[in-house]
Protein backbone atom coordinates (compact mmCIF):
# COMPACT_ATOMS: atom_id res chain seq x y z
CA MET A 1 -16.03 14.46 9.81
CA SER A 2 -16.31 18.10 8.91
CA VAL A 3 -14.96 19.23 5.56
CA ASP A 4 -12.55 21.77 7.05
CA THR A 5 -10.86 19.20 9.26
CA ALA A 6 -11.14 16.07 7.11
CA PHE A 7 -7.41 15.27 6.98
CA TYR A 8 -6.96 16.11 10.65
CA ASP A 9 -9.92 13.92 11.61
CA LEU A 10 -8.60 11.08 9.48
CA LEU A 11 -5.32 11.11 11.41
CA GLY A 12 -7.06 11.80 14.72
CA VAL A 13 -5.16 15.02 15.45
CA ASP A 14 -6.19 18.61 16.18
CA LYS A 15 -5.75 21.40 13.63
CA ASP A 16 -2.96 22.83 15.79
CA ALA A 17 -1.07 19.52 16.01
CA SER A 18 2.68 19.67 15.60
CA THR A 19 4.47 17.92 12.75
CA THR A 20 5.73 15.38 15.29
CA GLN A 21 2.20 14.63 16.50
CA ILE A 22 1.00 14.23 12.92
CA LYS A 23 3.88 11.88 12.11
CA LYS A 24 3.28 9.79 15.23
CA ALA A 25 -0.46 9.51 14.51
CA TYR A 26 0.18 8.59 10.89
CA TYR A 27 2.70 5.86 11.68
CA LYS A 28 0.39 4.33 14.26
CA LEU A 29 -2.57 4.27 11.87
CA ALA A 30 -0.46 3.22 8.87
CA ARG A 31 0.75 0.15 10.76
CA GLU A 32 -2.82 -0.65 11.77
CA TRP A 33 -4.30 -0.24 8.27
CA HIS A 34 -1.43 -1.47 6.10
CA PRO A 35 -2.81 -3.84 3.45
CA ASP A 36 -0.20 -6.47 4.28
CA LYS A 37 -1.51 -6.62 7.85
CA ASN A 38 -5.12 -6.78 6.62
CA PRO A 39 -5.10 -9.09 3.59
CA ASP A 40 -8.74 -10.10 4.13
CA ASP A 41 -10.04 -6.52 4.43
CA PRO A 42 -10.68 -4.93 1.04
CA LYS A 43 -11.14 -1.51 2.68
CA ALA A 44 -7.68 -1.55 4.27
CA GLU A 45 -5.86 -0.49 1.11
CA ASP A 46 -8.21 2.46 0.53
CA LYS A 47 -7.94 3.53 4.16
CA PHE A 48 -4.15 3.26 4.00
CA LYS A 49 -4.09 5.43 0.86
CA GLU A 50 -6.32 8.05 2.52
CA LEU A 51 -4.08 8.15 5.57
CA THR A 52 -0.98 8.50 3.40
CA GLN A 53 -2.57 11.32 1.42
CA ALA A 54 -3.53 13.17 4.60
CA TYR A 55 -0.02 12.72 5.99
CA GLU A 56 1.62 13.93 2.78
CA VAL A 57 -0.36 17.15 2.93
CA LEU A 58 -0.26 17.82 6.68
CA SER A 59 3.41 16.93 7.16
CA ASP A 60 4.54 19.50 4.58
CA THR A 61 4.29 23.05 5.92
CA GLU A 62 3.52 24.65 2.56
CA LYS A 63 0.90 22.07 1.56
CA ARG A 64 -0.66 22.24 5.01
CA GLU A 65 -0.99 26.02 4.81
CA ARG A 66 -2.60 25.75 1.36
CA TYR A 67 -4.93 23.00 2.62
CA ASP A 68 -5.98 24.99 5.69
CA LYS A 69 -6.57 28.12 3.62
CA TYR A 70 -8.38 26.28 0.85
CA VAL A 71 -10.81 24.29 2.96
CA THR A 72 -11.48 27.18 5.34
CA GLU A 73 -12.42 29.49 2.49
CA ASN A 74 -14.43 26.98 0.44
CA ARG A 75 -15.86 24.31 2.77
CA ASN A 76 -17.17 22.41 -0.19
CA PRO A 77 -16.63 18.63 -0.33
CA LEU A 78 -16.31 18.66 -4.12
CA LEU A 79 -13.67 21.38 -4.00
CA LEU A 80 -11.86 19.50 -1.24
CA SER A 81 -11.78 16.45 -3.51
CA LEU A 82 -10.32 18.56 -6.30
CA PHE A 83 -7.69 19.90 -3.90
CA VAL A 84 -6.73 16.36 -2.94
CA ILE A 85 -6.55 15.24 -6.56
CA SER A 86 -4.45 18.23 -7.61
CA SER A 87 -2.16 17.77 -4.60
CA SER A 88 -1.65 14.14 -5.51
CA PHE A 89 -0.91 15.07 -9.10
CA PHE A 90 1.81 17.49 -8.07
CA LEU A 91 3.26 14.90 -5.72
CA LEU A 92 3.75 12.62 -8.70
CA THR A 93 5.42 15.19 -10.93
């Protein structure tokens, strides 16, 4: 998974995917990885959270533009992590 396409790779879509394609991919994977469907898999909850985070960013036009710009310019895994954390923080406020 390359840093500049991490969220796209996670959802299994191309960088030029439409919002509809992103939504469809997310719902398919969310059903597959939902913790209630995988009670014996401790990784399922983490995977589900990652998928949800990717969807929250890529399904919002403004956040997606910031994400694309940010990771293209920086290509640093640590900075990507900071972007994800800050995005999550603003989602909560």
